[in-house]
């Protein structure tokens, strides 16, 4: 969800709940009435933006830790190949016969099912 959509959702939430910072008599709404929209906005932002991103980060970290030589992968740049060698921070991906490229582990976007990459 983009920032513009989040702001729009918070504004709509404030309109639906009738939240305002002063009632009809001109008295202030109190500390809880003032803080409620901020709390709701943070909760909405957390569940719509922060939580899904941390979940994706955790899944990608797990994917990178389970890489092994022979896995068929797709890089962030869209290259498809098979892992030929690995070290702690780098992987060598064979993209064609006799052509290996050296990439950082973080550049691996996805692991493909076995047999997806055809031998040249």
N, C-alpha and C. Protein backbone atom coordinates (compact mmCIF):
# COMPACT_ATOMS: atom_id res chain seq x y z
N UNK A 1 0.85 -1.17 0.00
CA UNK A 1 0.00 0.00 0.00
C UNK A 1 0.89 1.22 0.00
N UNK A 2 0.60 2.17 -0.87
CA UNK A 2 1.43 3.35 -0.96
C UNK A 2 1.10 4.32 0.16
N UNK A 3 1.99 5.29 0.35
CA UNK A 3 1.80 6.28 1.39
C UNK A 3 0.53 7.09 1.14
N UNK A 4 0.24 7.38 -0.13
CA UNK A 4 -0.95 8.15 -0.48
C UNK A 4 -2.21 7.37 -0.09
N UNK A 5 -2.21 6.07 -0.34
CA UNK A 5 -3.35 5.24 0.02
C UNK A 5 -3.49 5.15 1.54
N UNK A 6 -2.37 5.06 2.26
CA UNK A 6 -2.41 4.99 3.71
C UNK A 6 -3.00 6.26 4.30
N UNK A 7 -2.57 7.41 3.80
CA UNK A 7 -3.10 8.68 4.29
C UNK A 7 -4.59 8.78 4.00
N UNK A 8 -4.99 8.35 2.81
CA UNK A 8 -6.40 8.36 2.46
C UNK A 8 -7.22 7.45 3.35
N UNK A 9 -6.66 6.28 3.69
CA UNK A 9 -7.37 5.35 4.57
C UNK A 9 -7.52 5.92 5.97
N UNK A 10 -6.50 6.61 6.46
CA UNK A 10 -6.57 7.22 7.79
C UNK A 10 -7.60 8.34 7.79
N UNK A 11 -7.62 9.14 6.74
CA UNK A 11 -8.60 10.22 6.64
C UNK A 11 -10.02 9.66 6.60
N UNK A 12 -10.22 8.60 5.84
CA UNK A 12 -11.53 7.97 5.76
C UNK A 12 -11.94 7.38 7.11
N UNK A 13 -10.98 6.79 7.81
CA UNK A 13 -11.25 6.22 9.12
C UNK A 13 -11.66 7.30 10.10
N UNK A 14 -11.01 8.45 10.04
CA UNK A 14 -11.37 9.55 10.93
C UNK A 14 -12.77 10.07 10.61
N UNK A 15 -13.14 10.10 9.32
CA UNK A 15 -14.46 10.57 8.94
C UNK A 15 -15.54 9.59 9.39
N UNK A 16 -15.28 8.29 9.24
CA UNK A 16 -16.26 7.27 9.60
C UNK A 16 -16.49 7.23 11.10
N UNK A 17 -15.41 7.34 11.88
CA UNK A 17 -15.56 7.27 13.33
C UNK A 17 -16.03 8.58 13.92
N UNK A 18 -16.06 9.64 13.12
CA UNK A 18 -16.52 10.93 13.61
C UNK A 18 -15.52 11.55 14.57
N UNK A 19 -14.27 11.21 14.42
CA UNK A 19 -13.25 11.71 15.31
C UNK A 19 -12.99 13.18 15.01
N UNK A 20 -13.03 13.98 16.04
CA UNK A 20 -12.66 15.38 15.89
C UNK A 20 -11.91 15.79 17.14
N UNK A 21 -11.29 16.93 17.09
CA UNK A 21 -10.48 17.36 18.20
C UNK A 21 -11.23 18.30 19.14
N UNK A 22 -12.46 18.60 18.84
CA UNK A 22 -13.30 19.40 19.74
C UNK A 22 -14.74 19.02 19.50
N UNK A 23 -15.53 18.98 20.56
CA UNK A 23 -16.94 18.66 20.38
C UNK A 23 -17.72 19.94 20.10
N UNK A 24 -19.04 19.83 20.00
CA UNK A 24 -19.88 20.96 19.59
C UNK A 24 -19.83 22.12 20.58
N UNK A 25 -19.57 21.84 21.85
CA UNK A 25 -19.55 22.91 22.84
C UNK A 25 -18.21 23.64 22.88
N UNK A 26 -17.25 23.20 22.09
CA UNK A 26 -15.96 23.86 22.04
C UNK A 26 -14.97 23.34 23.06
N UNK A 27 -15.36 22.33 23.84
CA UNK A 27 -14.43 21.74 24.81
C UNK A 27 -13.51 20.77 24.09
N UNK A 28 -12.32 20.59 24.64
CA UNK A 28 -11.38 19.66 24.01
C UNK A 28 -11.84 18.23 24.23
N UNK A 29 -11.42 17.34 23.35
CA UNK A 29 -11.86 15.94 23.37
C UNK A 29 -11.14 15.12 24.42
N UNK A 30 -10.13 15.62 25.05
CA UNK A 30 -9.39 14.86 26.05
C UNK A 30 -8.22 14.13 25.42
N UNK A 31 -7.36 13.61 26.28
CA UNK A 31 -6.15 12.95 25.81
C UNK A 31 -6.46 11.70 24.99
N UNK A 32 -7.39 10.87 25.47
CA UNK A 32 -7.70 9.63 24.75
C UNK A 32 -8.35 9.94 23.40
N UNK A 33 -9.24 10.88 23.35
CA UNK A 33 -9.89 11.26 22.10
C UNK A 33 -8.92 11.85 21.11
N UNK A 34 -7.91 12.51 21.60
CA UNK A 34 -6.90 13.10 20.74
C UNK A 34 -5.93 12.04 20.22
N UNK A 35 -5.59 11.08 21.05
CA UNK A 35 -4.61 10.06 20.69
C UNK A 35 -5.21 8.90 19.89
N UNK A 36 -6.52 8.70 19.97
CA UNK A 36 -7.15 7.57 19.29
C UNK A 36 -6.88 7.56 17.78
N UNK A 37 -7.01 8.67 17.06
CA UNK A 37 -6.71 8.61 15.62
C UNK A 37 -5.25 8.26 15.33
N UNK A 38 -4.33 8.73 16.16
CA UNK A 38 -2.91 8.40 15.96
C UNK A 38 -2.66 6.92 16.19
N UNK A 39 -3.29 6.38 17.21
CA UNK A 39 -3.13 4.95 17.51
C UNK A 39 -3.71 4.11 16.38
N UNK A 40 -4.90 4.49 15.90
CA UNK A 40 -5.52 3.76 14.80
C UNK A 40 -4.69 3.87 13.52
N UNK A 41 -4.13 5.04 13.26
CA UNK A 41 -3.29 5.23 12.08
C UNK A 41 -2.05 4.36 12.15
N UNK A 42 -1.40 4.30 13.32
CA UNK A 42 -0.21 3.46 13.46
C UNK A 42 -0.56 1.99 13.29
N UNK A 43 -1.68 1.55 13.89
CA UNK A 43 -2.09 0.15 13.76
C UNK A 43 -2.37 -0.19 12.30
N UNK A 44 -3.04 0.69 11.59
CA UNK A 44 -3.32 0.47 10.18
C UNK A 44 -2.03 0.41 9.37
N UNK A 45 -1.12 1.33 9.62
CA UNK A 45 0.16 1.36 8.93
C UNK A 45 0.96 0.09 9.22
N UNK A 46 0.94 -0.37 10.47
CA UNK A 46 1.67 -1.57 10.85
C UNK A 46 1.15 -2.78 10.09
N UNK A 47 -0.16 -2.98 10.07
CA UNK A 47 -0.73 -4.17 9.45
C UNK A 47 -0.74 -4.10 7.92
N UNK A 48 -0.68 -2.91 7.35
CA UNK A 48 -0.73 -2.78 5.90
C UNK A 48 0.66 -2.65 5.26
N UNK A 49 1.67 -2.19 6.01
CA UNK A 49 2.98 -1.94 5.41
C UNK A 49 4.11 -2.67 6.12
N UNK A 50 4.24 -2.48 7.40
CA UNK A 50 5.40 -3.00 8.13
C UNK A 50 5.38 -4.52 8.23
N UNK A 51 4.27 -5.08 8.67
CA UNK A 51 4.19 -6.52 8.89
C UNK A 51 4.39 -7.34 7.61
N UNK A 52 3.73 -7.00 6.50
CA UNK A 52 3.98 -7.78 5.27
C UNK A 52 5.42 -7.70 4.79
N UNK A 53 6.06 -6.53 4.94
CA UNK A 53 7.45 -6.39 4.49
C UNK A 53 8.39 -7.24 5.34
N UNK A 54 8.19 -7.28 6.65
CA UNK A 54 9.05 -8.12 7.48
C UNK A 54 8.84 -9.60 7.17
N UNK A 55 7.61 -9.96 6.81
CA UNK A 55 7.34 -11.35 6.43
C UNK A 55 8.08 -11.70 5.14
N UNK A 56 8.04 -10.80 4.14
CA UNK A 56 8.77 -11.04 2.89
C UNK A 56 10.28 -11.12 3.14
N UNK A 57 10.80 -10.24 3.99
CA UNK A 57 12.23 -10.26 4.31
C UNK A 57 12.63 -11.58 4.95
N UNK A 58 11.81 -12.08 5.85
CA UNK A 58 12.10 -13.34 6.54
C UNK A 58 12.09 -14.50 5.54
N UNK A 59 11.11 -14.52 4.63
CA UNK A 59 11.04 -15.58 3.62
C UNK A 59 12.24 -15.55 2.68
N UNK A 60 12.69 -14.34 2.28
CA UNK A 60 13.84 -14.22 1.39
C UNK A 60 15.12 -14.66 2.09
N UNK A 61 15.27 -14.31 3.37
CA UNK A 61 16.44 -14.73 4.13
C UNK A 61 16.48 -16.25 4.25
N UNK A 62 15.32 -16.87 4.46
CA UNK A 62 15.26 -18.33 4.54
C UNK A 62 15.60 -18.96 3.19
N UNK A 63 15.11 -18.36 2.09
CA UNK A 63 15.41 -18.85 0.75
C UNK A 63 16.92 -18.82 0.51
N UNK A 64 17.57 -17.71 0.89
CA UNK A 64 19.01 -17.58 0.68
C UNK A 64 19.81 -18.57 1.53
N UNK A 65 19.34 -18.86 2.72
CA UNK A 65 20.08 -19.79 3.59
C UNK A 65 19.94 -21.23 3.10
N UNK A 66 18.90 -21.54 2.33
CA UNK A 66 18.68 -22.90 1.84
C UNK A 66 19.24 -23.14 0.44
N UNK A 67 19.95 -22.16 -0.13
CA UNK A 67 20.52 -22.35 -1.47
C UNK A 67 21.59 -23.43 -1.45
N UNK A 68 21.68 -24.17 -2.55
CA UNK A 68 22.70 -25.20 -2.68
C UNK A 68 23.16 -25.25 -4.13
N UNK A 69 24.36 -25.79 -4.34
CA UNK A 69 24.87 -25.95 -5.71
C UNK A 69 23.92 -26.86 -6.48
N UNK A 70 23.63 -26.48 -7.72
CA UNK A 70 22.70 -27.26 -8.54
C UNK A 70 21.29 -26.69 -8.56
N UNK A 71 20.99 -25.76 -7.66
CA UNK A 71 19.67 -25.13 -7.67
C UNK A 71 19.53 -24.23 -8.89
N UNK A 72 18.36 -24.22 -9.47
CA UNK A 72 18.07 -23.35 -10.60
C UNK A 72 17.40 -22.09 -10.05
N UNK A 73 17.96 -20.92 -10.40
CA UNK A 73 17.53 -19.68 -9.77
C UNK A 73 17.25 -18.59 -10.80
N UNK A 74 16.52 -17.58 -10.33
CA UNK A 74 16.29 -16.35 -11.09
C UNK A 74 16.90 -15.22 -10.27
N UNK A 75 17.66 -14.35 -10.93
CA UNK A 75 18.27 -13.22 -10.23
C UNK A 75 17.31 -12.03 -10.22
N UNK A 76 17.66 -11.02 -9.44
CA UNK A 76 16.85 -9.79 -9.42
C UNK A 76 16.81 -9.12 -10.78
N UNK A 77 17.84 -9.32 -11.59
CA UNK A 77 17.89 -8.74 -12.92
C UNK A 77 17.16 -9.56 -13.97
N UNK A 78 16.66 -10.74 -13.59
CA UNK A 78 15.89 -11.56 -14.51
C UNK A 78 16.68 -12.67 -15.18
N UNK A 79 17.98 -12.80 -14.87
CA UNK A 79 18.77 -13.89 -15.46
C UNK A 79 18.38 -15.21 -14.82
N UNK A 80 18.36 -16.25 -15.64
CA UNK A 80 18.02 -17.59 -15.18
C UNK A 80 19.25 -18.46 -15.36
N UNK A 81 19.56 -19.25 -14.35
CA UNK A 81 20.71 -20.13 -14.44
C UNK A 81 20.75 -21.13 -13.31
N UNK A 82 21.83 -21.88 -13.29
CA UNK A 82 22.02 -22.93 -12.29
C UNK A 82 23.24 -22.59 -11.45
N UNK A 83 23.13 -22.72 -10.14
CA UNK A 83 24.25 -22.42 -9.24
C UNK A 83 25.33 -23.48 -9.42
N UNK A 84 26.55 -23.01 -9.72
CA UNK A 84 27.66 -23.96 -9.90
C UNK A 84 28.57 -24.00 -8.68
N UNK A 85 28.85 -22.84 -8.08
CA UNK A 85 29.69 -22.77 -6.88
C UNK A 85 29.07 -21.78 -5.91
N UNK A 86 29.40 -21.96 -4.64
CA UNK A 86 28.89 -21.04 -3.61
C UNK A 86 29.98 -20.73 -2.60
N UNK A 87 29.93 -19.51 -2.06
CA UNK A 87 30.75 -19.14 -0.91
C UNK A 87 29.82 -18.44 0.08
N UNK A 88 30.39 -17.86 1.11
CA UNK A 88 29.56 -17.24 2.14
C UNK A 88 28.71 -16.09 1.60
N UNK A 89 29.31 -15.23 0.78
CA UNK A 89 28.60 -14.03 0.31
C UNK A 89 28.28 -14.04 -1.18
N UNK A 90 28.89 -14.94 -1.94
CA UNK A 90 28.73 -14.94 -3.38
C UNK A 90 28.31 -16.30 -3.90
N UNK A 91 27.64 -16.29 -5.06
CA UNK A 91 27.30 -17.53 -5.77
C UNK A 91 27.75 -17.38 -7.22
N UNK A 92 28.16 -18.47 -7.81
CA UNK A 92 28.50 -18.50 -9.23
C UNK A 92 27.34 -19.19 -9.94
N UNK A 93 26.73 -18.47 -10.88
CA UNK A 93 25.56 -18.99 -11.59
C UNK A 93 25.97 -19.24 -13.04
N UNK A 94 25.72 -20.45 -13.49
CA UNK A 94 26.00 -20.82 -14.88
C UNK A 94 24.77 -20.46 -15.71
N UNK A 95 24.92 -19.48 -16.61
CA UNK A 95 23.80 -19.01 -17.42
C UNK A 95 23.82 -19.60 -18.82
N UNK A 96 24.95 -20.13 -19.25
CA UNK A 96 25.09 -20.80 -20.54
C UNK A 96 26.29 -21.73 -20.43
N UNK A 97 26.47 -22.59 -21.40
CA UNK A 97 27.61 -23.50 -21.33
C UNK A 97 28.91 -22.70 -21.39
N UNK A 98 29.70 -22.83 -20.34
CA UNK A 98 30.97 -22.12 -20.26
C UNK A 98 30.87 -20.68 -19.79
N UNK A 99 29.68 -20.21 -19.42
CA UNK A 99 29.51 -18.83 -18.97
C UNK A 99 28.97 -18.84 -17.53
N UNK A 100 29.86 -18.44 -16.61
CA UNK A 100 29.47 -18.32 -15.20
C UNK A 100 29.53 -16.85 -14.80
N UNK A 101 28.56 -16.43 -14.01
CA UNK A 101 28.59 -15.07 -13.47
C UNK A 101 28.64 -15.17 -11.96
N UNK A 102 29.33 -14.21 -11.36
CA UNK A 102 29.49 -14.18 -9.92
C UNK A 102 28.53 -13.11 -9.37
N UNK A 103 27.67 -13.50 -8.45
CA UNK A 103 26.66 -12.61 -7.88
C UNK A 103 26.69 -12.67 -6.36
N UNK A 104 26.23 -11.59 -5.75
CA UNK A 104 26.01 -11.65 -4.31
C UNK A 104 24.79 -12.52 -4.04
N UNK A 105 24.76 -13.17 -2.91
CA UNK A 105 23.62 -14.02 -2.56
C UNK A 105 22.30 -13.26 -2.60
N UNK A 106 22.33 -12.01 -2.15
CA UNK A 106 21.11 -11.21 -2.08
C UNK A 106 20.51 -10.94 -3.46
N UNK A 107 21.29 -11.15 -4.53
CA UNK A 107 20.80 -10.91 -5.89
C UNK A 107 19.91 -12.05 -6.39
N UNK A 108 19.81 -13.14 -5.62
CA UNK A 108 18.94 -14.25 -6.00
C UNK A 108 17.52 -13.90 -5.58
N UNK A 109 16.61 -13.88 -6.55
CA UNK A 109 15.22 -13.51 -6.27
C UNK A 109 14.34 -14.72 -5.98
N UNK A 110 14.60 -15.83 -6.69
CA UNK A 110 13.70 -16.97 -6.55
C UNK A 110 14.43 -18.24 -6.95
N UNK A 111 13.97 -19.36 -6.40
CA UNK A 111 14.49 -20.67 -6.78
C UNK A 111 13.42 -21.34 -7.64
N UNK A 112 13.84 -21.83 -8.80
CA UNK A 112 12.92 -22.48 -9.74
C UNK A 112 12.85 -23.98 -9.46
N UNK A 113 11.78 -24.63 -9.89
CA UNK A 113 11.71 -26.08 -9.77
C UNK A 113 12.79 -26.75 -10.62
N UNK A 114 13.23 -27.91 -10.20
CA UNK A 114 14.26 -28.65 -10.95
C UNK A 114 13.76 -28.93 -12.37
N UNK A 115 14.66 -28.76 -13.35
CA UNK A 115 14.32 -29.02 -14.74
C UNK A 115 13.79 -27.80 -15.48
N UNK A 116 13.71 -26.67 -14.82
CA UNK A 116 13.21 -25.46 -15.49
C UNK A 116 14.22 -24.88 -16.46
N UNK A 117 15.52 -25.03 -16.14
CA UNK A 117 16.57 -24.51 -16.99
C UNK A 117 17.04 -25.62 -17.93
N UNK A 118 16.94 -25.37 -19.22
CA UNK A 118 17.36 -26.39 -20.18
C UNK A 118 18.86 -26.25 -20.43
N UNK A 119 19.54 -27.38 -20.59
CA UNK A 119 20.98 -27.37 -20.87
C UNK A 119 21.22 -26.90 -22.30
N UNK A 120 22.24 -26.08 -22.48
CA UNK A 120 22.60 -25.60 -23.83
C UNK A 120 23.57 -26.52 -24.48
